[in-house]
N, C-alpha and C. Protein backbone atom coordinates (compact mmCIF):
# COMPACT_ATOMS: atom_id res chain seq x y z
N MET A 1 -43.46 43.57 215.24
CA MET A 1 -42.31 43.93 214.43
C MET A 1 -41.98 42.78 213.49
N TYR A 2 -41.70 43.12 212.23
CA TYR A 2 -41.36 42.11 211.24
C TYR A 2 -40.01 41.49 211.54
N GLN A 3 -39.92 40.19 211.33
CA GLN A 3 -38.61 39.57 211.33
C GLN A 3 -37.99 39.90 209.97
N SER A 4 -36.69 39.84 209.86
CA SER A 4 -36.04 40.23 208.61
C SER A 4 -36.46 39.36 207.44
N SER A 5 -36.91 38.15 207.72
CA SER A 5 -37.29 37.25 206.63
C SER A 5 -38.77 37.36 206.26
N THR A 6 -39.52 38.26 206.89
CA THR A 6 -40.95 38.38 206.61
C THR A 6 -41.18 39.22 205.36
N TYR A 7 -41.98 38.67 204.44
CA TYR A 7 -42.37 39.40 203.24
C TYR A 7 -43.65 40.18 203.51
N CYS A 8 -44.66 39.52 204.11
CA CYS A 8 -45.90 40.22 204.44
C CYS A 8 -46.68 39.47 205.51
N ARG A 9 -47.53 40.24 206.15
CA ARG A 9 -48.49 39.69 207.11
C ARG A 9 -49.88 39.96 206.53
N LEU A 10 -50.62 38.88 206.31
CA LEU A 10 -51.90 38.98 205.61
C LEU A 10 -52.96 39.76 206.38
N GLU A 11 -52.93 39.73 207.69
CA GLU A 11 -53.94 40.45 208.49
C GLU A 11 -53.92 41.94 208.18
N GLU A 12 -52.76 42.47 207.81
CA GLU A 12 -52.65 43.89 207.49
C GLU A 12 -53.49 44.26 206.27
N PHE A 13 -53.79 43.28 205.42
CA PHE A 13 -54.53 43.53 204.19
C PHE A 13 -55.94 42.95 204.21
N ARG A 14 -56.40 42.49 205.38
CA ARG A 14 -57.67 41.78 205.47
C ARG A 14 -58.82 42.54 204.81
N ASP A 15 -58.98 43.82 205.09
CA ASP A 15 -60.11 44.58 204.51
C ASP A 15 -60.07 44.55 202.98
N ILE A 16 -58.90 44.74 202.42
CA ILE A 16 -58.76 44.72 200.96
C ILE A 16 -59.08 43.34 200.42
N LEU A 17 -58.55 42.31 201.05
CA LEU A 17 -58.75 40.94 200.58
C LEU A 17 -60.21 40.51 200.68
N GLU A 18 -60.87 40.86 201.77
CA GLU A 18 -62.29 40.52 201.90
C GLU A 18 -63.14 41.29 200.88
N SER A 19 -62.77 42.52 200.58
CA SER A 19 -63.48 43.29 199.56
C SER A 19 -63.35 42.62 198.19
N ILE A 20 -62.17 42.14 197.87
CA ILE A 20 -61.97 41.43 196.60
C ILE A 20 -62.81 40.16 196.55
N LEU A 21 -62.86 39.44 197.66
CA LEU A 21 -63.67 38.22 197.70
C LEU A 21 -65.15 38.54 197.47
N ARG A 22 -65.64 39.58 198.13
CA ARG A 22 -67.06 39.95 197.93
C ARG A 22 -67.32 40.34 196.49
N ARG A 23 -66.38 41.02 195.87
CA ARG A 23 -66.56 41.50 194.50
C ARG A 23 -66.55 40.35 193.49
N HIS A 24 -65.75 39.32 193.73
CA HIS A 24 -65.53 38.31 192.69
C HIS A 24 -66.09 36.93 193.00
N SER A 25 -66.66 36.73 194.17
CA SER A 25 -67.18 35.40 194.47
C SER A 25 -68.69 35.35 194.28
N SER A 26 -69.17 34.21 193.87
CA SER A 26 -70.60 34.00 193.65
C SER A 26 -71.28 33.39 194.87
N GLN A 27 -70.50 33.19 195.93
CA GLN A 27 -71.01 32.54 197.13
C GLN A 27 -70.24 33.09 198.33
N PRO A 28 -70.74 32.89 199.53
CA PRO A 28 -69.97 33.32 200.70
C PRO A 28 -68.64 32.55 200.78
N VAL A 29 -67.57 33.29 201.03
CA VAL A 29 -66.25 32.68 201.20
C VAL A 29 -65.64 33.28 202.46
N VAL A 30 -65.21 32.42 203.36
CA VAL A 30 -64.59 32.85 204.61
C VAL A 30 -63.08 32.88 204.42
N LEU A 31 -62.48 34.02 204.72
CA LEU A 31 -61.03 34.16 204.66
C LEU A 31 -60.47 33.96 206.06
N VAL A 32 -59.57 32.99 206.20
CA VAL A 32 -58.92 32.77 207.48
C VAL A 32 -57.41 32.90 207.29
N THR A 33 -56.79 33.58 208.25
CA THR A 33 -55.33 33.65 208.26
C THR A 33 -54.86 32.81 209.44
N VAL A 34 -53.96 31.91 209.15
CA VAL A 34 -53.52 30.94 210.15
C VAL A 34 -52.00 30.79 210.11
N PRO A 35 -51.39 30.45 211.23
CA PRO A 35 -49.94 30.26 211.23
C PRO A 35 -49.50 29.09 210.35
N ASP A 36 -50.34 28.06 210.26
CA ASP A 36 -49.97 26.83 209.56
C ASP A 36 -51.21 26.29 208.84
N VAL A 37 -51.20 26.34 207.52
CA VAL A 37 -52.37 25.93 206.72
C VAL A 37 -52.67 24.44 206.90
N ALA A 38 -51.64 23.60 206.91
CA ALA A 38 -51.87 22.16 207.06
C ALA A 38 -52.51 21.84 208.41
N ARG A 39 -52.02 22.47 209.46
CA ARG A 39 -52.57 22.23 210.80
C ARG A 39 -54.04 22.69 210.85
N TRP A 40 -54.34 23.85 210.25
CA TRP A 40 -55.72 24.34 210.21
C TRP A 40 -56.60 23.34 209.46
N ALA A 41 -56.11 22.82 208.35
CA ALA A 41 -56.90 21.87 207.56
C ALA A 41 -57.25 20.63 208.39
N VAL A 42 -56.30 20.15 209.18
CA VAL A 42 -56.57 19.00 210.05
C VAL A 42 -57.64 19.37 211.07
N GLU A 43 -57.55 20.57 211.63
CA GLU A 43 -58.52 21.00 212.65
C GLU A 43 -59.95 21.08 212.11
N VAL A 44 -60.10 21.43 210.82
CA VAL A 44 -61.45 21.51 210.24
C VAL A 44 -61.79 20.25 209.44
N ASN A 45 -60.95 19.22 209.60
CA ASN A 45 -61.20 17.92 208.98
C ASN A 45 -61.20 17.99 207.45
N MET A 46 -60.25 18.74 206.90
CA MET A 46 -60.08 18.83 205.45
C MET A 46 -58.65 18.45 205.12
N GLY A 47 -58.47 17.87 203.99
CA GLY A 47 -57.11 17.47 203.59
C GLY A 47 -56.49 18.49 202.65
N VAL A 48 -55.20 18.73 202.82
CA VAL A 48 -54.43 19.52 201.88
C VAL A 48 -53.14 18.76 201.60
N TYR A 49 -52.57 19.01 200.46
CA TYR A 49 -51.31 18.37 200.10
C TYR A 49 -50.17 19.23 200.61
N GLY A 50 -49.32 18.68 201.42
CA GLY A 50 -48.18 19.41 201.95
C GLY A 50 -48.63 20.48 202.93
N ASN A 51 -47.91 21.59 202.94
CA ASN A 51 -48.26 22.73 203.79
C ASN A 51 -48.14 24.00 202.96
N PRO A 52 -49.13 24.26 202.11
CA PRO A 52 -49.06 25.40 201.20
C PRO A 52 -49.20 26.73 201.95
N ILE A 53 -48.87 27.83 201.27
CA ILE A 53 -49.08 29.14 201.90
C ILE A 53 -50.54 29.55 201.83
N ALA A 54 -51.31 28.87 200.98
CA ALA A 54 -52.74 29.15 200.88
C ALA A 54 -53.44 27.94 200.30
N THR A 55 -54.72 27.81 200.63
CA THR A 55 -55.53 26.74 200.06
C THR A 55 -56.98 27.17 200.01
N ALA A 56 -57.71 26.56 199.12
CA ALA A 56 -59.15 26.79 198.99
C ALA A 56 -59.89 25.52 199.38
N ILE A 57 -60.96 25.69 200.11
CA ILE A 57 -61.82 24.58 200.51
C ILE A 57 -63.21 24.87 199.96
N LEU A 58 -63.72 23.97 199.15
CA LEU A 58 -65.06 24.16 198.59
C LEU A 58 -66.12 24.06 199.67
N ALA A 59 -67.24 24.70 199.43
CA ALA A 59 -68.36 24.66 200.38
C ALA A 59 -68.91 23.24 200.47
N THR A 60 -69.43 22.94 201.65
CA THR A 60 -70.15 21.69 201.87
C THR A 60 -71.49 22.05 202.48
N ASP A 61 -72.32 21.04 202.73
CA ASP A 61 -73.60 21.30 203.39
C ASP A 61 -73.39 21.87 204.79
N GLU A 62 -72.28 21.53 205.41
CA GLU A 62 -72.01 21.96 206.79
C GLU A 62 -71.17 23.23 206.90
N MET A 63 -70.51 23.64 205.82
CA MET A 63 -69.53 24.72 205.93
C MET A 63 -69.45 25.52 204.62
N PRO A 64 -69.39 26.85 204.72
CA PRO A 64 -69.19 27.65 203.50
C PRO A 64 -67.78 27.45 202.95
N ALA A 65 -67.55 27.90 201.76
CA ALA A 65 -66.22 27.85 201.17
C ALA A 65 -65.25 28.66 202.05
N HIS A 66 -64.01 28.22 202.09
CA HIS A 66 -62.98 28.89 202.87
C HIS A 66 -61.72 29.08 202.03
N ILE A 67 -61.04 30.16 202.28
CA ILE A 67 -59.67 30.34 201.80
C ILE A 67 -58.83 30.54 203.04
N ALA A 68 -57.87 29.65 203.21
CA ALA A 68 -56.94 29.74 204.34
C ALA A 68 -55.59 30.19 203.79
N VAL A 69 -55.04 31.22 204.42
CA VAL A 69 -53.76 31.77 204.00
C VAL A 69 -52.84 31.85 205.21
N ARG A 70 -51.61 31.50 204.99
CA ARG A 70 -50.64 31.62 206.08
C ARG A 70 -50.60 33.07 206.54
N SER A 71 -50.68 33.30 207.83
CA SER A 71 -50.77 34.66 208.36
C SER A 71 -49.51 35.47 208.13
N GLU A 72 -48.38 34.81 208.10
CA GLU A 72 -47.12 35.50 207.82
C GLU A 72 -46.39 34.72 206.74
N ILE A 73 -46.04 35.41 205.67
CA ILE A 73 -45.35 34.78 204.55
C ILE A 73 -43.92 35.29 204.52
N SER A 74 -42.99 34.37 204.52
CA SER A 74 -41.58 34.75 204.51
C SER A 74 -41.15 35.16 203.11
N LYS A 75 -40.02 35.82 203.03
CA LYS A 75 -39.47 36.21 201.73
C LYS A 75 -39.20 34.96 200.88
N ASP A 76 -38.68 33.91 201.49
CA ASP A 76 -38.39 32.68 200.73
C ASP A 76 -39.68 32.04 200.20
N GLU A 77 -40.73 32.03 201.02
CA GLU A 77 -42.01 31.46 200.57
C GLU A 77 -42.59 32.28 199.43
N ALA A 78 -42.54 33.59 199.56
CA ALA A 78 -43.03 34.47 198.48
C ALA A 78 -42.21 34.24 197.22
N GLU A 79 -40.89 34.15 197.36
CA GLU A 79 -40.03 33.96 196.19
C GLU A 79 -40.31 32.64 195.48
N SER A 80 -40.69 31.61 196.23
CA SER A 80 -41.00 30.34 195.55
C SER A 80 -42.22 30.49 194.65
N VAL A 81 -43.21 31.26 195.10
CA VAL A 81 -44.39 31.54 194.27
C VAL A 81 -44.02 32.47 193.13
N LEU A 82 -43.29 33.53 193.44
CA LEU A 82 -42.92 34.52 192.42
C LEU A 82 -42.05 33.91 191.33
N GLY A 83 -41.15 33.02 191.72
CA GLY A 83 -40.31 32.36 190.72
C GLY A 83 -41.13 31.53 189.74
N LEU A 84 -42.12 30.83 190.25
CA LEU A 84 -42.99 30.03 189.38
C LEU A 84 -43.81 30.94 188.45
N LEU A 85 -44.35 32.03 188.99
CA LEU A 85 -45.09 32.97 188.16
C LEU A 85 -44.20 33.57 187.06
N GLU A 86 -42.98 33.90 187.44
CA GLU A 86 -42.04 34.46 186.47
C GLU A 86 -41.76 33.44 185.37
N TRP A 87 -41.55 32.18 185.76
CA TRP A 87 -41.28 31.11 184.80
C TRP A 87 -42.47 30.93 183.84
N CYS A 88 -43.69 31.21 184.34
CA CYS A 88 -44.91 31.07 183.52
C CYS A 88 -45.18 32.29 182.65
N GLY A 89 -44.28 33.27 182.68
CA GLY A 89 -44.43 34.41 181.78
C GLY A 89 -44.97 35.68 182.40
N TYR A 90 -45.05 35.75 183.69
CA TYR A 90 -45.61 36.93 184.37
C TYR A 90 -44.50 37.81 184.97
N SER A 91 -43.44 38.04 184.22
CA SER A 91 -42.27 38.77 184.73
C SER A 91 -42.61 40.18 185.20
N GLU A 92 -43.36 40.92 184.43
CA GLU A 92 -43.70 42.29 184.81
C GLU A 92 -44.53 42.32 186.09
N GLU A 93 -45.51 41.43 186.19
CA GLU A 93 -46.34 41.35 187.39
C GLU A 93 -45.49 40.98 188.61
N VAL A 94 -44.56 40.05 188.43
CA VAL A 94 -43.69 39.63 189.52
C VAL A 94 -42.84 40.80 190.00
N ARG A 95 -42.34 41.60 189.07
CA ARG A 95 -41.56 42.78 189.45
C ARG A 95 -42.37 43.69 190.36
N LEU A 96 -43.64 43.88 190.04
CA LEU A 96 -44.52 44.71 190.87
C LEU A 96 -44.80 44.04 192.21
N PHE A 97 -45.01 42.73 192.21
CA PHE A 97 -45.28 42.01 193.46
C PHE A 97 -44.12 42.12 194.44
N ARG A 98 -42.90 42.08 193.91
CA ARG A 98 -41.73 42.13 194.79
C ARG A 98 -41.68 43.43 195.58
N SER A 99 -42.18 44.50 195.01
CA SER A 99 -42.15 45.79 195.71
C SER A 99 -43.50 46.15 196.34
N ASN A 100 -44.51 45.29 196.15
CA ASN A 100 -45.85 45.62 196.64
C ASN A 100 -46.53 44.35 197.17
N PRO A 101 -46.25 43.98 198.42
CA PRO A 101 -46.81 42.74 198.96
C PRO A 101 -48.33 42.67 198.95
N VAL A 102 -49.02 43.80 199.04
CA VAL A 102 -50.49 43.74 199.03
C VAL A 102 -50.98 43.22 197.68
N ARG A 103 -50.31 43.57 196.58
CA ARG A 103 -50.71 43.05 195.27
C ARG A 103 -50.48 41.54 195.19
N PHE A 104 -49.37 41.09 195.77
CA PHE A 104 -49.10 39.65 195.86
C PHE A 104 -50.23 38.96 196.63
N ALA A 105 -50.61 39.53 197.77
CA ALA A 105 -51.68 38.94 198.60
C ALA A 105 -53.00 38.93 197.85
N MET A 106 -53.30 40.00 197.12
CA MET A 106 -54.54 40.05 196.34
C MET A 106 -54.56 38.94 195.29
N HIS A 107 -53.45 38.77 194.59
CA HIS A 107 -53.39 37.71 193.58
C HIS A 107 -53.50 36.34 194.23
N LEU A 108 -52.85 36.16 195.36
CA LEU A 108 -52.89 34.89 196.07
C LEU A 108 -54.33 34.51 196.42
N VAL A 109 -55.09 35.45 196.96
CA VAL A 109 -56.47 35.19 197.34
C VAL A 109 -57.34 34.97 196.10
N LEU A 110 -57.13 35.77 195.07
CA LEU A 110 -57.89 35.56 193.83
C LEU A 110 -57.57 34.20 193.20
N HIS A 111 -56.32 33.80 193.27
CA HIS A 111 -55.93 32.48 192.75
C HIS A 111 -56.71 31.37 193.48
N GLU A 112 -56.77 31.47 194.80
CA GLU A 112 -57.51 30.46 195.56
C GLU A 112 -59.00 30.55 195.27
N LEU A 113 -59.51 31.76 195.07
CA LEU A 113 -60.92 31.92 194.72
C LEU A 113 -61.21 31.27 193.37
N ALA A 114 -60.26 31.31 192.45
CA ALA A 114 -60.45 30.65 191.15
C ALA A 114 -60.71 29.16 191.32
N HIS A 115 -60.03 28.52 192.28
CA HIS A 115 -60.28 27.11 192.55
C HIS A 115 -61.74 26.90 192.98
N ILE A 116 -62.24 27.80 193.81
CA ILE A 116 -63.62 27.69 194.32
C ILE A 116 -64.64 27.99 193.23
N GLU A 117 -64.48 29.11 192.56
CA GLU A 117 -65.47 29.55 191.57
C GLU A 117 -65.58 28.59 190.39
N ASN A 118 -64.47 28.00 190.01
CA ASN A 118 -64.45 27.14 188.82
C ASN A 118 -64.35 25.66 189.15
N GLU A 119 -64.25 25.35 190.45
CA GLU A 119 -64.05 23.97 190.90
C GLU A 119 -62.88 23.33 190.19
N TRP A 120 -61.78 24.11 190.09
CA TRP A 120 -60.56 23.62 189.46
C TRP A 120 -59.66 22.99 190.50
N GLY A 121 -59.13 21.84 190.19
CA GLY A 121 -58.18 21.17 191.07
C GLY A 121 -56.76 21.68 190.85
N GLN A 122 -55.81 21.02 191.49
CA GLN A 122 -54.42 21.43 191.43
C GLN A 122 -53.84 21.37 190.02
N ALA A 123 -54.40 20.56 189.15
CA ALA A 123 -53.90 20.46 187.78
C ALA A 123 -54.16 21.74 186.98
N ARG A 124 -54.97 22.64 187.52
CA ARG A 124 -55.33 23.87 186.80
C ARG A 124 -54.68 25.11 187.40
N GLU A 125 -53.51 24.96 188.00
CA GLU A 125 -52.83 26.09 188.65
C GLU A 125 -52.59 27.26 187.69
N HIS A 126 -52.14 26.98 186.48
CA HIS A 126 -51.90 28.06 185.51
C HIS A 126 -53.21 28.78 185.19
N ASP A 127 -54.30 28.03 185.03
CA ASP A 127 -55.60 28.66 184.77
C ASP A 127 -56.02 29.54 185.94
N CYS A 128 -55.75 29.09 187.16
CA CYS A 128 -56.09 29.89 188.35
C CYS A 128 -55.29 31.19 188.37
N ASP A 129 -54.01 31.13 188.00
CA ASP A 129 -53.21 32.35 187.93
C ASP A 129 -53.76 33.32 186.90
N LYS A 130 -54.08 32.79 185.73
CA LYS A 130 -54.63 33.64 184.67
C LYS A 130 -55.95 34.28 185.11
N TRP A 131 -56.83 33.50 185.70
CA TRP A 131 -58.13 33.99 186.20
C TRP A 131 -57.89 35.10 187.22
N ALA A 132 -56.93 34.88 188.11
CA ALA A 132 -56.63 35.88 189.15
C ALA A 132 -56.09 37.16 188.53
N PHE A 133 -55.16 37.05 187.59
CA PHE A 133 -54.61 38.26 186.97
C PHE A 133 -55.68 39.04 186.22
N GLU A 134 -56.63 38.36 185.61
CA GLU A 134 -57.72 39.04 184.89
C GLU A 134 -58.60 39.86 185.84
N ARG A 135 -58.63 39.52 187.11
CA ARG A 135 -59.49 40.19 188.09
C ARG A 135 -58.72 41.09 189.06
N LEU A 136 -57.41 41.07 188.97
CA LEU A 136 -56.58 41.87 189.87
C LEU A 136 -56.83 43.35 189.59
N PRO A 137 -57.26 44.10 190.61
CA PRO A 137 -57.53 45.53 190.39
C PRO A 137 -56.28 46.28 189.96
N GLY A 138 -56.51 47.47 189.40
CA GLY A 138 -55.39 48.33 188.98
C GLY A 138 -54.53 48.73 190.16
N ALA A 139 -53.55 49.51 189.88
CA ALA A 139 -52.57 49.91 190.91
C ALA A 139 -53.26 50.59 192.09
N ILE A 140 -52.74 50.32 193.28
CA ILE A 140 -53.25 50.98 194.48
C ILE A 140 -52.20 51.92 195.01
């Protein structure tokens, strides 16, 4: 049962998200949903800044690329992302995301995939959003 502050649970959309990854990635990418992204990163010996709701880890010789997403995203966490997207000019998309968490999750995963596919660092967040919106499927 959802807590009142829950916006979405990513496991509910796993099939859709993995399908998007297969469609848009040029390499194997493992999608993991975890309670805490920073803790997961420590467990796999990777560094992340802060405790984001999602992160991308580039492939190494020992490990394929990974996208780790917080398994449960609160309304406040979603709003922090949505507010930034709105500020960057994506008001119409944000309106749709607020009423359709699966579209938010799809964009979130595509955004992280943009980091992997283009080897873009954190300084390219706007480019990752644009790349993700260009690949976001039509309405479901």
